């Protein structure tokens, strides 16, 4: 069997200053470096590295590589896999808010606050994100400019086929986002309830490790959302 460690990126700068969800925050950089320490301590051979297309994916890999370099070690050159990109659930929410707000008081409050020039609170934004995306994944809502949930799930499976092509008895590191990790784990577990897949993504900590085993096109789950390298509770973050 081969093994792929699916790694969620470190904490981004959402709701920070400046707010940028594609930029690691200082805690996110520390999470990545702690991950690098943990991986280097294990001294396990890594045969391949795959990285998604976002800056936060590459920065998490950079944090790991920095630790390896300080120890005189190295990782294989990373393969960029565009299919490992996250879904655009947040973009969907903001496109649908005006349409859905008329029938949803909580969503209407966000729209009205924005119209007054006020920033919605992080809690309100996350609540709206969860409410809308739970409807999106079962096909109740959608937008022509946003990739569908089914298309996203199919895309992650294409990425898994590329990872699986490294052959038997190999170990890979995969740097991506929560939705992609959850989708891969759900595929390995044959979970077909799409809201449960979404729930898995919300459970994932930044910088966590999910270990999947595979042989050809058959996948299985070994561990999910592991954080043995994040013993400091302040580094257990999920946004």
Protein backbone atom coordinates (compact mmCIF):
# COMPACT_ATOMS: atom_id res chain seq x y z
CA UNK A 1 0.00 0.00 0.00
CA UNK A 2 1.02 3.60 -0.57
CA UNK A 3 0.21 6.47 1.78
CA UNK A 4 -0.76 10.08 1.13
CA UNK A 5 -0.74 12.63 3.94
CA UNK A 6 -3.39 15.22 3.06
CA UNK A 7 -2.44 18.45 4.84
CA UNK A 8 -4.79 21.36 5.36
CA UNK A 9 -3.02 24.70 4.97
CA UNK A 10 -2.07 26.75 8.01
CA UNK A 11 -4.32 29.45 9.43
CA UNK A 12 -4.94 32.17 6.89
CA UNK A 13 -5.45 35.88 7.52
CA UNK A 14 -9.25 35.93 7.25
CA UNK A 15 -10.78 38.56 9.55
CA UNK A 16 -7.29 39.84 10.32
CA UNK A 17 -5.63 43.05 9.22
CA UNK A 18 -5.31 42.98 6.33
CA UNK A 19 -7.93 40.30 5.72
CA UNK A 20 -6.66 37.90 3.05
CA UNK A 21 -7.74 34.29 3.03
CA UNK A 22 -4.94 33.39 0.64
CA UNK A 23 -2.15 34.58 2.93
CA UNK A 24 -0.93 32.66 5.96
CA UNK A 25 -1.16 34.48 9.27
CA UNK A 26 1.72 34.34 11.79
CA UNK A 27 0.03 31.39 13.60
CA UNK A 28 -0.38 29.70 10.21
CA UNK A 29 3.33 29.99 9.52
CA UNK A 30 4.07 28.55 12.95
CA UNK A 31 1.68 25.65 12.32
CA UNK A 32 3.50 24.88 9.07
CA UNK A 33 6.89 24.92 10.78
CA UNK A 34 5.64 22.70 13.61
CA UNK A 35 4.41 20.30 10.95
CA UNK A 36 7.85 20.38 9.39
CA UNK A 37 9.42 19.47 12.74
CA UNK A 38 7.02 16.56 13.16
CA UNK A 39 7.61 15.23 9.66
CA UNK A 40 11.39 15.56 9.98
CA UNK A 41 11.37 13.83 13.37
CA UNK A 42 9.59 10.84 11.85
CA UNK A 43 12.39 10.44 9.28
CA UNK A 44 9.95 8.74 6.93
CA UNK A 45 10.90 8.75 3.28
CA UNK A 46 8.77 11.05 1.11
CA UNK A 47 8.56 10.00 -2.53
CA UNK A 48 6.36 12.76 -3.91
CA UNK A 49 4.91 16.14 -2.95
CA UNK A 50 1.72 17.58 -4.44
CA UNK A 51 0.54 21.13 -3.82
CA UNK A 52 -2.66 22.99 -4.67
CA UNK A 53 -2.65 26.26 -6.62
CA UNK A 54 -3.30 28.72 -3.79
CA UNK A 55 -0.67 30.85 -2.09
CA UNK A 56 -1.69 29.45 1.29
CA UNK A 57 -0.98 25.92 0.04
CA UNK A 58 2.49 26.88 -1.18
CA UNK A 59 3.26 28.85 1.97
CA UNK A 60 2.41 25.85 4.14
CA UNK A 61 4.76 23.72 2.07
CA UNK A 62 7.38 26.47 2.34
CA UNK A 63 7.18 26.31 6.14
CA UNK A 64 7.83 22.57 6.07
CA UNK A 65 10.69 22.95 3.59
CA UNK A 66 12.29 25.64 5.75
CA UNK A 67 12.54 23.20 8.66
CA UNK A 68 13.87 20.40 6.46
CA UNK A 69 16.53 22.73 5.01
CA UNK A 70 17.62 23.78 8.52
CA UNK A 71 18.18 20.12 9.30
CA UNK A 72 20.13 19.48 6.11
CA UNK A 73 17.27 17.50 4.56
CA UNK A 74 15.06 18.08 1.55
CA UNK A 75 11.76 17.07 0.01
CA UNK A 76 11.16 16.05 -3.61
CA UNK A 77 10.27 18.87 -5.97
CA UNK A 78 6.57 19.64 -5.61
CA UNK A 79 4.09 18.93 -8.38
CA UNK A 80 1.47 21.64 -8.81
CA UNK A 81 -2.02 20.13 -9.05
CA UNK A 82 -4.68 22.73 -9.93
CA UNK A 83 -7.39 20.16 -9.13
CA UNK A 84 -6.44 20.43 -5.44
CA UNK A 85 -7.93 23.93 -5.27
CA UNK A 86 -10.67 24.61 -2.72
CA UNK A 87 -14.29 25.10 -3.78
CA UNK A 88 -15.60 28.67 -3.95
CA UNK A 89 -18.31 28.30 -1.33
CA UNK A 90 -17.65 31.77 0.04
CA UNK A 91 -17.94 33.34 -3.40
CA UNK A 92 -21.24 31.51 -3.83
CA UNK A 93 -22.54 32.89 -0.54
CA UNK A 94 -21.87 36.51 -1.47
CA UNK A 95 -23.41 36.06 -4.92
CA UNK A 96 -26.56 34.52 -3.47
CA UNK A 97 -26.99 36.71 -0.39
CA UNK A 98 -29.21 39.37 -2.03
CA UNK A 99 -31.44 36.67 -3.52
CA UNK A 100 -31.73 34.58 -0.36
CA UNK A 101 -31.96 37.43 2.14
CA UNK A 102 -35.61 38.18 1.43
CA UNK A 103 -36.63 34.87 2.99
CA UNK A 104 -33.94 34.60 5.66
CA UNK A 105 -33.79 37.24 8.46
CA UNK A 106 -30.22 36.37 9.44
CA UNK A 107 -28.95 36.71 5.91
CA UNK A 108 -30.97 39.91 5.49
CA UNK A 109 -29.21 41.42 8.51
CA UNK A 110 -25.83 40.88 6.80
CA UNK A 111 -27.04 42.47 3.56
CA UNK A 112 -28.49 45.47 5.41
CA UNK A 113 -25.32 45.97 7.44
CA UNK A 114 -23.23 45.87 4.27
CA UNK A 115 -25.55 48.42 2.64
CA UNK A 116 -24.94 50.75 5.60
CA UNK A 117 -21.20 50.40 5.08
CA UNK A 118 -20.75 48.22 8.14
CA UNK A 119 -18.60 45.10 8.15
CA UNK A 120 -20.45 41.93 9.10
CA UNK A 121 -19.02 40.16 12.13
CA UNK A 122 -16.88 37.04 11.54
CA UNK A 123 -19.50 34.98 13.35
CA UNK A 124 -22.28 36.25 11.09
CA UNK A 125 -20.23 35.56 7.96
CA UNK A 126 -19.39 32.02 9.06
CA UNK A 127 -23.00 31.33 10.01
CA UNK A 128 -24.17 32.53 6.59
CA UNK A 129 -21.49 30.43 4.91
CA UNK A 130 -22.66 27.30 6.68
CA UNK A 131 -26.35 27.92 6.07
CA UNK A 132 -25.96 28.56 2.35
CA UNK A 133 -23.37 25.87 1.59
CA UNK A 134 -25.47 23.18 3.29
CA UNK A 135 -28.15 23.97 0.71
CA UNK A 136 -25.61 24.19 -2.10
CA UNK A 137 -24.13 20.71 -1.64
CA UNK A 138 -27.54 19.06 -2.03
CA UNK A 139 -28.38 21.09 -5.13
CA UNK A 140 -30.98 23.44 -3.65
CA UNK A 141 -29.05 26.57 -4.66
CA UNK A 142 -26.29 27.40 -7.09
CA UNK A 143 -24.89 30.07 -9.38
CA UNK A 144 -23.75 29.79 -13.02
CA UNK A 145 -20.46 31.56 -12.27
CA UNK A 146 -19.54 29.18 -9.42
CA UNK A 147 -18.32 25.61 -9.88
CA UNK A 148 -20.98 23.21 -8.63
CA UNK A 149 -20.40 20.98 -5.63
CA UNK A 150 -20.63 17.88 -7.85
CA UNK A 151 -17.99 19.32 -10.17
CA UNK A 152 -15.77 20.08 -7.19
CA UNK A 153 -16.09 16.53 -5.89
CA UNK A 154 -15.24 15.13 -9.33
CA UNK A 155 -12.23 17.44 -9.56
CA UNK A 156 -10.82 16.17 -6.26
CA UNK A 157 -11.20 12.60 -7.48
CA UNK A 158 -9.15 13.52 -10.56
CA UNK A 159 -6.45 14.85 -8.24
CA UNK A 160 -6.56 11.58 -6.30
CA UNK A 161 -6.03 9.62 -9.50
CA UNK A 162 -2.94 11.70 -10.23
CA UNK A 163 -1.62 11.11 -6.72
CA UNK A 164 -2.42 7.41 -6.96
CA UNK A 165 -0.29 7.10 -10.09
CA UNK A 166 2.95 7.33 -8.08
CA UNK A 167 2.83 3.56 -7.64
CA UNK A 168 2.94 1.04 -4.82
CA UNK A 169 4.84 1.35 -1.57
CA UNK A 170 5.20 5.14 -1.86
CA UNK A 171 4.57 8.05 0.49
CA UNK A 172 3.25 11.42 -0.65
CA UNK A 173 2.57 14.77 0.98
CA UNK A 174 -0.46 16.66 -0.34
CA UNK A 175 -0.92 20.36 0.56
CA UNK A 176 -4.45 21.61 0.00
CA UNK A 177 -7.58 22.97 1.72
CA UNK A 178 -10.25 21.66 4.08
CA UNK A 179 -12.88 20.93 1.45
CA UNK A 180 -10.42 18.94 -0.63
CA UNK A 181 -9.20 16.94 2.38
CA UNK A 182 -12.77 16.17 3.45
CA UNK A 183 -13.73 15.19 -0.09
CA UNK A 184 -10.78 12.81 -0.35
CA UNK A 185 -11.57 11.25 3.03
CA UNK A 186 -15.23 10.88 2.07
CA UNK A 187 -14.23 9.16 -1.17
CA UNK A 188 -12.05 6.74 0.80
CA UNK A 189 -14.96 6.01 3.18
CA UNK A 190 -17.59 5.89 0.41
CA UNK A 191 -19.66 8.63 2.10
CA UNK A 192 -22.47 9.72 -0.21
CA UNK A 193 -24.31 12.12 2.14
CA UNK A 194 -22.89 15.40 0.85
CA UNK A 195 -23.81 17.38 3.95
CA UNK A 196 -21.73 14.93 5.98
CA UNK A 197 -18.80 15.62 3.65
CA UNK A 198 -19.25 19.32 4.34
CA UNK A 199 -19.36 18.60 8.08
CA UNK A 200 -16.01 16.79 7.76
CA UNK A 201 -14.48 19.89 6.19
CA UNK A 202 -15.67 22.11 9.04
CA UNK A 203 -14.07 19.75 11.56
CA UNK A 204 -10.57 20.10 10.13
CA UNK A 205 -7.91 22.05 12.02
CA UNK A 206 -5.43 24.25 10.19
CA UNK A 207 -2.23 22.35 9.53
CA UNK A 208 -3.85 19.02 10.34
CA UNK A 209 -2.84 15.72 8.75
CA UNK A 210 -5.26 13.19 7.27
CA UNK A 211 -3.59 9.92 6.28
CA UNK A 212 -5.05 7.95 3.38
CA UNK A 213 -3.77 4.66 2.05
CA UNK A 214 -4.19 3.60 -1.55
CA UNK A 215 -3.42 0.95 -4.08
CA UNK A 216 -4.25 1.78 -7.67
CA UNK A 217 -7.80 3.21 -7.54
CA UNK A 218 -8.71 1.82 -4.11
CA UNK A 219 -8.44 4.22 -1.17
CA UNK A 220 -8.85 3.85 2.58
CA UNK A 221 -8.65 6.08 5.64
CA UNK A 222 -5.97 5.58 8.31
CA UNK A 223 -6.26 8.79 10.34
CA UNK A 224 -8.33 11.96 10.12
CA UNK A 225 -7.55 15.52 11.26
CA UNK A 226 -4.43 14.59 13.20
CA UNK A 227 -2.62 17.33 15.14
CA UNK A 228 0.21 15.58 17.05
CA UNK A 229 2.51 18.47 16.09
CA UNK A 230 0.19 21.14 17.53
CA UNK A 231 0.43 20.46 21.26
CA UNK A 232 0.02 24.17 22.03
CA UNK A 233 -3.74 24.79 22.16
CA UNK A 234 -3.39 28.30 20.73
CA UNK A 235 -2.36 26.63 17.46
CA UNK A 236 -5.58 24.61 17.22
CA UNK A 237 -7.49 26.81 14.81
CA UNK A 238 -10.07 26.02 12.17
CA UNK A 239 -10.57 29.16 10.00
